[in-house]
């Protein structure tokens, strides 16, 4: 099967019908096809984009159809999503092509009798937008929260949370940022290469790169790059993919040659291998994770980068008494909601609720209390998450410090591209810093 829109439909059907994650559904759909790079990119855009913009597209259906989107046959709703996503968000696809291919999808997937409805709804939408009457922009919304939630396709509890933290203007900027395609950053492996060498290699392949201030190993790729494993230096272990904000975490940890490091929630290993690089691969890093399959990925990364200092431990880091008072430095990159990386995880905005954020916060507090016991006298602990939710970050740290008066925050002493807070932690807001949303803080015992 080589029709990219049909493949996108099958992936989205799995997302809507079975609650599958978009990336997993996409991988399975690709496994049964042989598409060229251009068609693969189209399928990826259609699937991630339709999931990301689901609330906005449902709103359009609600405005134009007699039956609300929730009342449409589920697979027909998916087909309408694909058509409307192309019309509203993909300027490079001619409207006639978007309409005709969507009508064809309806016919090929059991909705021949409703193909005229699909055709009529999409053409009605085109007429409205041609006359500056797009339902998304002409509607009188009840509140700013509703407007931002529908216009940018986010649940209202999230929009409300962000407005409380950064105000309406910045919340809209954040929403817009999260709806962009993510950038790809590399972290240079200084044990095998140099940033100048890799810049030259990429330039010879007509791939544009840019450096990131105060991050000596970071290189951002600009434009289309194709398959990652085909890029120069991949198989030689010259670099690995890691967003700039994740690189900040390990610089804050500051591993030194000869030290003992514990990475308490290590997989898939970006910060573990970064620690090994900063230690010049001299010393011992215990990489722990309870998911064996994710640790396999860590081992593959470590082998490709040719790291020798990493020792893998499978299991829950809360159950490793042998680590008590062992480490010079401990990294707890805690499992979290990932609300700082919504541009990378198309469906994450729909999977979380205030209730499961509260549960995450409790787990994070448990992990932090336990990880603190791994630190030897005079050692340091870095707590980090890729979320910007206060319950998973500031609340966890304040609670820990209240319960452990012998610990305190150690403000960063290195130059960072992000200004630390007065309290001494670092919070990366994506729209301000042009990198993934992150929180990180360095703690030290008195």
Protein backbone atom coordinates (compact mmCIF):
# COMPACT_ATOMS: atom_id res chain seq x y z
CA UNK A 1 0.00 0.00 0.00
CA UNK A 2 1.59 3.25 -1.15
CA UNK A 3 -1.12 5.90 -0.71
CA UNK A 4 0.31 8.24 1.97
CA UNK A 5 -3.09 9.60 3.02
CA UNK A 6 -4.47 6.08 3.47
CA UNK A 7 -1.46 5.20 5.62
CA UNK A 8 -2.02 8.35 7.67
CA UNK A 9 -5.70 7.38 8.05
CA UNK A 10 -4.79 3.91 9.35
CA UNK A 11 -2.36 5.37 11.89
CA UNK A 12 -4.92 7.95 13.08
CA UNK A 13 -7.62 5.29 13.28
CA UNK A 14 -5.39 3.41 15.71
CA UNK A 15 -4.85 6.57 17.75
CA UNK A 16 -8.58 7.36 17.95
CA UNK A 17 -9.94 3.83 18.20
CA UNK A 18 -7.38 2.18 20.49
CA UNK A 19 -5.82 5.16 22.23
CA UNK A 20 -2.43 4.34 20.70
CA UNK A 21 0.39 6.86 20.95
CA UNK A 22 0.84 8.68 17.66
CA UNK A 23 4.53 7.78 17.26
CA UNK A 24 3.88 4.07 17.87
CA UNK A 25 0.90 4.02 15.48
CA UNK A 26 3.01 5.79 12.86
CA UNK A 27 5.86 3.27 13.23
CA UNK A 28 3.44 0.37 12.73
CA UNK A 29 1.87 2.05 9.69
CA UNK A 30 5.29 2.63 8.14
CA UNK A 31 6.23 -1.00 8.78
CA UNK A 32 3.63 -2.13 6.22
CA UNK A 33 4.61 0.34 3.51
CA UNK A 34 7.47 1.31 1.23
CA UNK A 35 7.19 5.06 0.91
CA UNK A 36 9.81 7.44 -0.40
CA UNK A 37 11.17 10.16 1.92
CA UNK A 38 8.75 12.81 0.59
CA UNK A 39 5.68 10.66 1.23
CA UNK A 40 6.96 9.59 4.66
CA UNK A 41 7.29 13.26 5.62
CA UNK A 42 3.73 13.91 4.42
CA UNK A 43 2.34 11.00 6.46
CA UNK A 44 4.25 12.13 9.54
CA UNK A 45 2.97 15.69 9.15
CA UNK A 46 -0.62 14.54 8.64
CA UNK A 47 -0.62 12.21 11.65
CA UNK A 48 1.19 14.43 14.14
CA UNK A 49 -0.53 17.56 12.88
CA UNK A 50 -4.03 16.07 13.02
CA UNK A 51 -3.46 14.81 16.56
CA UNK A 52 -1.91 18.07 17.69
CA UNK A 53 -4.72 20.20 16.20
CA UNK A 54 -7.55 17.86 17.16
CA UNK A 55 -9.48 20.35 19.28
CA UNK A 56 -9.32 23.09 16.63
CA UNK A 57 -10.47 20.71 13.88
CA UNK A 58 -13.31 19.33 16.00
CA UNK A 59 -14.42 22.91 16.60
CA UNK A 60 -14.57 23.53 12.83
CA UNK A 61 -16.65 20.35 12.33
CA UNK A 62 -18.98 21.42 15.14
CA UNK A 63 -19.53 24.77 13.40
CA UNK A 64 -20.11 23.41 9.90
CA UNK A 65 -21.84 20.05 10.29
CA UNK A 66 -25.36 19.31 11.53
CA UNK A 67 -23.90 16.65 13.86
CA UNK A 68 -21.14 17.56 16.28
CA UNK A 69 -17.73 15.94 15.74
CA UNK A 70 -18.34 13.64 18.72
CA UNK A 71 -21.52 12.36 17.03
CA UNK A 72 -19.86 11.57 13.70
CA UNK A 73 -18.88 7.95 12.97
CA UNK A 74 -15.35 7.78 14.45
CA UNK A 75 -13.62 6.83 11.20
CA UNK A 76 -15.46 9.51 9.25
CA UNK A 77 -14.35 12.03 11.87
CA UNK A 78 -10.76 10.88 11.29
CA UNK A 79 -11.18 11.38 7.53
CA UNK A 80 -12.58 14.89 8.10
CA UNK A 81 -9.62 15.65 10.36
CA UNK A 82 -7.21 14.76 7.57
CA UNK A 83 -9.00 16.95 5.05
CA UNK A 84 -9.45 19.96 7.32
CA UNK A 85 -5.87 19.73 8.62
CA UNK A 86 -4.57 20.04 5.07
CA UNK A 87 -6.88 22.96 4.27
CA UNK A 88 -6.17 24.92 7.46
CA UNK A 89 -2.49 24.18 8.15
CA UNK A 90 -0.73 22.91 5.00
CA UNK A 91 -0.44 25.80 2.58
CA UNK A 92 1.72 23.81 0.18
CA UNK A 93 -1.16 21.44 -0.68
CA UNK A 94 -3.67 22.89 -3.20
CA UNK A 95 -7.19 23.00 -1.71
CA UNK A 96 -8.58 20.99 -4.64
CA UNK A 97 -6.06 18.20 -3.96
CA UNK A 98 -6.93 18.19 -0.25
CA UNK A 99 -10.66 17.92 -1.03
CA UNK A 100 -10.39 15.30 -3.78
CA UNK A 101 -8.04 13.00 -1.85
CA UNK A 102 -10.22 13.24 1.27
CA UNK A 103 -13.38 12.40 -0.67
CA UNK A 104 -11.51 9.43 -2.15
CA UNK A 105 -10.50 8.32 1.34
CA UNK A 106 -14.16 8.34 2.36
CA UNK A 107 -15.10 6.19 -0.63
CA UNK A 108 -12.29 3.70 -0.03
CA UNK A 109 -13.03 3.27 3.68
CA UNK A 110 -16.73 2.46 3.73
CA UNK A 111 -18.26 5.94 3.47
CA UNK A 112 -19.24 6.16 -0.22
CA UNK A 113 -22.71 7.24 0.81
CA UNK A 114 -21.30 10.16 2.78
CA UNK A 115 -18.67 11.24 0.26
CA UNK A 116 -20.90 14.12 -0.93
CA UNK A 117 -21.17 15.27 2.73
CA UNK A 118 -17.37 15.23 3.03
CA UNK A 119 -17.03 17.13 -0.25
CA UNK A 120 -19.65 19.69 0.77
CA UNK A 121 -18.22 20.34 4.23
CA UNK A 122 -14.66 20.84 2.95
CA UNK A 123 -15.81 23.13 0.14
CA UNK A 124 -17.95 25.13 2.56
CA UNK A 125 -14.87 25.60 4.72
CA UNK A 126 -12.86 26.82 1.71
CA UNK A 127 -15.59 29.36 0.84
CA UNK A 128 -15.63 30.69 4.40
CA UNK A 129 -11.86 31.08 4.62
CA UNK A 130 -11.75 32.71 1.19
CA UNK A 131 -14.15 35.32 2.58
CA UNK A 132 -12.25 35.79 5.85
CA UNK A 133 -14.94 33.92 7.77
CA UNK A 134 -12.82 31.10 9.20
CA UNK A 135 -14.80 29.79 12.22
CA UNK A 136 -11.61 29.67 14.30
CA UNK A 137 -11.01 33.40 13.99
CA UNK A 138 -14.49 34.95 13.71
CA UNK A 139 -16.06 33.22 16.72
CA UNK A 140 -16.81 35.28 19.83
CA UNK A 141 -15.25 33.11 22.53
CA UNK A 142 -16.50 33.13 26.11
CA UNK A 143 -13.05 33.73 27.59
CA UNK A 144 -9.35 34.07 26.79
CA UNK A 145 -8.82 30.54 28.07
CA UNK A 146 -11.42 29.15 25.65
CA UNK A 147 -10.07 31.23 22.74
CA UNK A 148 -6.47 30.09 23.22
CA UNK A 149 -7.53 26.52 23.89
CA UNK A 150 -9.60 26.21 20.70
CA UNK A 151 -7.47 28.39 18.43
CA UNK A 152 -4.19 26.63 19.36
CA UNK A 153 -5.70 23.25 20.30
CA UNK A 154 -4.88 22.73 23.97
CA UNK A 155 -6.99 21.55 26.92
CA UNK A 156 -8.26 24.50 28.94
CA UNK A 157 -6.72 23.37 32.24
CA UNK A 158 -3.27 23.69 30.65
CA UNK A 159 -3.97 27.11 29.14
CA UNK A 160 -5.28 28.33 32.49
CA UNK A 161 -2.17 27.03 34.28
CA UNK A 162 0.16 28.84 31.89
CA UNK A 163 -1.78 32.10 32.09
CA UNK A 164 -1.44 31.99 35.88
CA UNK A 165 2.34 31.63 35.52
CA UNK A 166 3.30 33.83 32.56
CA UNK A 167 0.20 35.83 31.53
CA UNK A 168 -1.97 35.81 28.40
CA UNK A 169 0.52 37.21 25.88
CA UNK A 170 3.30 34.76 26.71
CA UNK A 171 0.86 31.86 26.96
CA UNK A 172 -0.18 32.48 23.36
CA UNK A 173 3.50 32.60 22.35
CA UNK A 174 4.07 29.31 24.19
CA UNK A 175 1.06 27.69 22.46
CA UNK A 176 2.37 28.81 19.07
CA UNK A 177 5.84 27.49 19.91
CA UNK A 178 4.50 24.07 20.90
CA UNK A 179 2.64 23.80 17.58
CA UNK A 180 5.82 24.24 15.52
CA UNK A 181 7.86 21.33 14.19
CA UNK A 182 10.68 20.58 16.65
CA UNK A 183 14.29 21.45 15.95
CA UNK A 184 17.04 18.82 16.10
CA UNK A 185 20.12 19.49 18.21
CA UNK A 186 23.28 17.42 18.31
CA UNK A 187 25.68 16.99 21.19
CA UNK A 188 29.23 16.62 19.98
CA UNK A 189 31.29 13.80 21.51
CA UNK A 190 34.58 15.59 22.29
CA UNK A 191 36.32 12.25 22.90
CA UNK A 192 35.87 11.39 19.21
CA UNK A 193 35.50 14.67 17.33
CA UNK A 194 35.24 18.45 17.56
CA UNK A 195 32.47 20.90 16.79
CA UNK A 196 34.52 22.41 13.94
CA UNK A 197 35.12 18.98 12.38
CA UNK A 198 31.41 18.17 12.46
CA UNK A 199 30.43 21.58 11.07
CA UNK A 200 32.76 20.92 8.12
CA UNK A 201 31.40 17.40 7.56
CA UNK A 202 27.79 18.62 7.57
CA UNK A 203 28.59 21.56 5.30
CA UNK A 204 30.06 19.14 2.75
CA UNK A 205 26.65 17.40 2.76
CA UNK A 206 24.86 20.76 2.28
CA UNK A 207 23.39 20.64 5.79
CA UNK A 208 23.25 23.97 7.58
CA UNK A 209 24.12 24.11 11.30
CA UNK A 210 24.31 26.77 14.00
CA UNK A 211 26.00 26.89 17.39
CA UNK A 212 24.17 27.66 20.64
CA UNK A 213 25.72 30.19 23.07
CA UNK A 214 27.16 28.81 26.34
CA UNK A 215 26.69 25.20 25.23
CA UNK A 216 30.09 24.12 23.90
CA UNK A 217 28.93 20.74 22.58
CA UNK A 218 25.62 21.82 21.01
CA UNK A 219 24.97 22.14 17.29
CA UNK A 220 21.49 22.82 15.87
CA UNK A 221 20.56 21.39 12.47
CA UNK A 222 18.63 23.69 10.16
CA UNK A 223 16.25 22.48 7.44
CA UNK A 224 15.51 18.98 6.17
CA UNK A 225 18.16 16.37 6.98
CA UNK A 226 16.78 12.93 6.00
CA UNK A 227 17.50 9.78 8.00
CA UNK A 228 19.58 10.45 11.13
CA UNK A 229 21.74 7.34 10.76
CA UNK A 230 22.85 8.48 7.29
CA UNK A 231 24.34 11.74 8.58
CA UNK A 232 28.15 12.07 8.67
CA UNK A 233 29.75 10.86 11.89
CA UNK A 234 26.77 8.90 13.21
CA UNK A 235 28.27 5.41 13.01
CA UNK A 236 31.66 6.74 14.17
CA UNK A 237 30.14 8.03 17.41
CA UNK A 238 31.05 11.67 16.76
CA UNK A 239 27.75 12.96 18.10
CA UNK A 240 24.36 12.06 19.48
CA UNK A 241 20.95 13.74 19.28
CA UNK A 242 20.06 15.68 22.42
CA UNK A 243 18.13 18.90 22.81
CA UNK A 244 20.05 21.89 24.13
CA UNK A 245 18.06 22.14 27.37
CA UNK A 246 18.81 18.48 28.18
CA UNK A 247 22.52 19.23 27.65
CA UNK A 248 22.24 22.00 30.24
CA UNK A 249 21.33 19.45 32.91
CA UNK A 250 24.62 17.53 32.71
CA UNK A 251 26.68 20.73 32.63
CA UNK A 252 24.90 21.71 35.86
CA UNK A 253 25.75 18.28 37.33
CA UNK A 254 29.39 18.88 36.40
CA UNK A 255 30.86 15.33 36.42
CA UNK A 256 34.65 15.16 36.85
CA UNK A 257 37.15 12.46 35.78
CA UNK A 258 37.50 9.65 38.30
CA UNK A 259 34.21 10.30 40.11
CA UNK A 260 31.37 7.91 40.87
CA UNK A 261 28.09 9.07 39.32
CA UNK A 262 24.62 7.58 39.72
CA UNK A 263 22.04 8.34 37.04
CA UNK A 264 18.91 7.18 38.87
CA UNK A 265 16.46 7.22 35.91
CA UNK A 266 18.90 6.93 33.05
CA UNK A 267 17.23 5.50 29.93
CA UNK A 268 17.49 6.16 27.05
CA UNK A 269 20.85 7.50 28.15
CA UNK A 270 21.40 10.99 26.74
CA UNK A 271 22.55 12.45 30.05
CA UNK A 272 24.41 9.25 31.02
CA UNK A 273 26.59 9.38 27.93
CA UNK A 274 27.01 13.14 28.31
CA UNK A 275 28.32 12.54 31.85
CA UNK A 276 30.80 10.03 30.44
CA UNK A 277 32.01 12.61 27.91
CA UNK A 278 32.47 15.31 30.56
CA UNK A 279 34.39 12.80 32.73
CA UNK A 280 36.56 11.90 29.73
CA UNK A 281 35.16 8.38 30.22
CA UNK A 282 37.23 8.03 33.41
CA UNK A 283 35.38 6.93 36.54
CA UNK A 284 32.15 4.97 37.04
CA UNK A 285 28.59 5.82 36.06
CA UNK A 286 25.81 3.59 37.37
CA UNK A 287 22.92 3.91 34.91
CA UNK A 288 19.65 2.74 36.47
CA UNK A 289 16.24 2.25 34.96
CA UNK A 290 13.41 -0.17 35.61
CA UNK A 291 12.61 -0.69 31.91
CA UNK A 292 14.97 -3.20 30.34
CA UNK A 293 14.00 -2.30 26.76
CA UNK A 294 14.91 1.35 27.37
CA UNK A 295 18.22 0.31 28.93
CA UNK A 296 18.96 -1.67 25.78
CA UNK A 297 18.71 1.60 23.87
CA UNK A 298 21.08 3.18 26.40
CA UNK A 299 23.62 0.39 25.85
CA UNK A 300 23.36 0.83 22.07
CA UNK A 301 24.04 4.57 22.45
CA UNK A 302 26.96 3.98 24.82
CA UNK A 303 28.47 1.38 22.46
CA UNK A 304 28.12 3.66 19.42
CA UNK A 305 29.81 6.49 21.34
CA UNK A 306 32.40 3.95 22.59
CA UNK A 307 31.91 4.62 26.31
CA UNK A 308 33.56 2.30 28.87
CA UNK A 309 32.66 3.94 32.19
CA UNK A 310 28.92 3.13 32.17
CA UNK A 311 27.57 0.22 34.23
CA UNK A 312 23.90 -0.65 33.70
CA UNK A 313 21.54 -1.54 36.58
CA UNK A 314 18.03 -2.76 35.78
CA UNK A 315 15.40 -2.00 38.41
CA UNK A 316 13.64 0.71 40.39
CA UNK A 317 16.24 3.08 41.84
CA UNK A 318 14.21 3.18 45.07
CA UNK A 319 15.36 -0.41 45.70
CA UNK A 320 19.16 -0.14 45.45
CA UNK A 321 20.44 -0.04 49.06
CA UNK A 322 23.96 -0.78 47.80
CA UNK A 323 24.13 2.77 46.43
CA UNK A 324 23.70 4.53 49.80
CA UNK A 325 26.52 7.08 50.38
CA UNK A 326 28.31 5.85 47.26
CA UNK A 327 28.22 8.70 44.72
CA UNK A 328 30.07 11.97 44.29
CA UNK A 329 27.19 13.18 42.12
CA UNK A 330 23.67 11.89 41.56
CA UNK A 331 21.38 12.82 38.69
CA UNK A 332 17.64 12.32 39.08
CA UNK A 333 16.13 13.06 35.68
CA UNK A 334 12.71 12.20 37.07
CA UNK A 335 9.90 10.60 35.07
CA UNK A 336 7.43 13.39 34.38
CA UNK A 337 4.51 14.56 32.27
CA UNK A 338 6.79 15.89 29.52
CA UNK A 339 4.79 19.13 29.36
CA UNK A 340 7.92 20.99 28.28
CA UNK A 341 8.20 18.89 25.13
CA UNK A 342 4.67 19.06 23.71
CA UNK A 343 6.04 19.97 20.26
CA UNK A 344 7.80 16.58 20.14
CA UNK A 345 4.92 14.51 21.55
CA UNK A 346 1.85 15.32 19.50
CA UNK A 347 -0.64 13.56 21.77
CA UNK A 348 0.82 14.35 25.21
CA UNK A 349 -1.45 17.37 25.63
CA UNK A 350 -4.49 15.06 25.50
CA UNK A 351 -3.15 12.29 27.77
CA UNK A 352 -2.55 14.31 30.92
CA UNK A 353 -4.96 15.58 33.57
CA UNK A 354 -4.46 17.60 36.76
CA UNK A 355 -5.04 14.34 38.65
CA UNK A 356 -2.23 12.36 37.00
CA UNK A 357 0.12 15.33 37.37
CA UNK A 358 -0.53 15.12 41.12
CA UNK A 359 0.36 11.42 41.04
CA UNK A 360 3.56 12.18 39.12
CA UNK A 361 4.50 14.74 41.75
CA UNK A 362 4.17 12.17 44.52
CA UNK A 363 6.37 9.69 42.65
CA UNK A 364 8.96 12.40 41.97
CA UNK A 365 9.09 13.28 45.68
CA UNK A 366 9.67 9.63 46.58
CA UNK A 367 12.43 9.26 43.99
CA UNK A 368 14.13 12.47 45.16
CA UNK A 369 14.09 11.48 48.84
CA UNK A 370 15.64 8.14 47.95
CA UNK A 371 18.20 9.50 45.47
CA UNK A 372 19.47 11.87 48.16
CA UNK A 373 20.64 8.85 50.20
CA UNK A 374 23.02 7.88 47.37
CA UNK A 375 25.09 11.07 47.78
CA UNK A 376 28.25 10.80 49.88
CA UNK A 377 29.18 13.62 52.25
CA UNK A 378 30.05 16.75 50.27
CA UNK A 379 28.48 15.41 47.10
CA UNK A 380 25.78 16.97 44.94
CA UNK A 381 22.40 15.96 43.55
CA UNK A 382 20.75 17.41 40.45
CA UNK A 383 16.98 17.09 40.08
CA UNK A 384 15.65 17.65 36.56
CA UNK A 385 12.45 17.22 34.55
CA UNK A 386 11.29 18.02 31.01
CA UNK A 387 8.09 19.58 32.32
CA UNK A 388 7.16 23.17 33.17
CA UNK A 389 4.43 22.25 35.67
CA UNK A 390 5.15 23.71 39.15
CA UNK A 391 3.74 20.63 40.91
CA UNK A 392 6.48 18.50 39.34
CA UNK A 393 9.24 21.03 39.89
CA UNK A 394 9.18 23.88 42.41
CA UNK A 395 6.67 22.10 44.68
CA UNK A 396 8.79 18.92 44.78
CA UNK A 397 11.95 20.86 45.62
CA UNK A 398 10.36 23.06 48.29
CA UNK A 399 8.83 19.99 49.95
CA UNK A 400 12.18 18.17 49.89
CA UNK A 401 14.04 21.12 51.42
CA UNK A 402 11.37 21.52 54.11
CA UNK A 403 11.82 17.87 55.07
CA UNK A 404 15.62 17.87 54.75
CA UNK A 405 17.06 21.01 56.38
CA UNK A 406 20.60 19.68 55.89
CA UNK A 407 20.19 20.15 52.11
CA UNK A 408 20.21 23.43 50.23
CA UNK A 409 20.14 24.76 46.68
CA UNK A 410 23.52 25.48 45.14
CA UNK A 411 23.00 28.18 42.48
CA UNK A 412 24.78 27.61 39.14
CA UNK A 413 28.36 28.84 38.98
CA UNK A 414 28.72 28.24 35.23
CA UNK A 415 27.54 30.46 32.39
CA UNK A 416 24.21 29.24 31.10
CA UNK A 417 22.05 30.40 28.16
CA UNK A 418 19.14 30.61 30.65
CA UNK A 419 19.05 32.96 33.64
CA UNK A 420 18.61 31.11 36.97
CA UNK A 421 15.73 32.10 39.24
CA UNK A 422 16.35 34.05 42.48
CA UNK A 423 15.88 30.74 44.32
CA UNK A 424 18.76 29.19 42.34
CA UNK A 425 16.94 26.76 40.07
CA UNK A 426 16.84 26.94 36.27
CA UNK A 427 13.52 26.86 34.43
CA UNK A 428 13.62 26.83 30.65
CA UNK A 429 10.53 28.32 28.96
CA UNK A 430 10.59 27.12 25.33
CA UNK A 431 9.22 30.29 23.71
CA UNK A 432 11.79 32.43 25.57
CA UNK A 433 14.85 30.23 25.14
CA UNK A 434 14.11 28.38 21.85
CA UNK A 435 14.68 24.94 23.37
CA UNK A 436 12.67 22.25 25.14
CA UNK A 437 10.95 23.19 28.37
CA UNK A 438 13.00 21.98 31.34
CA UNK A 439 13.53 22.42 35.06
CA UNK A 440 16.78 21.72 36.87
CA UNK A 441 18.25 22.43 40.27
CA UNK A 442 21.53 21.52 41.98
CA UNK A 443 21.29 20.45 45.64
CA UNK A 444 24.06 20.01 48.19
CA UNK A 445 24.23 18.74 51.76
CA UNK A 446 25.45 21.13 54.45
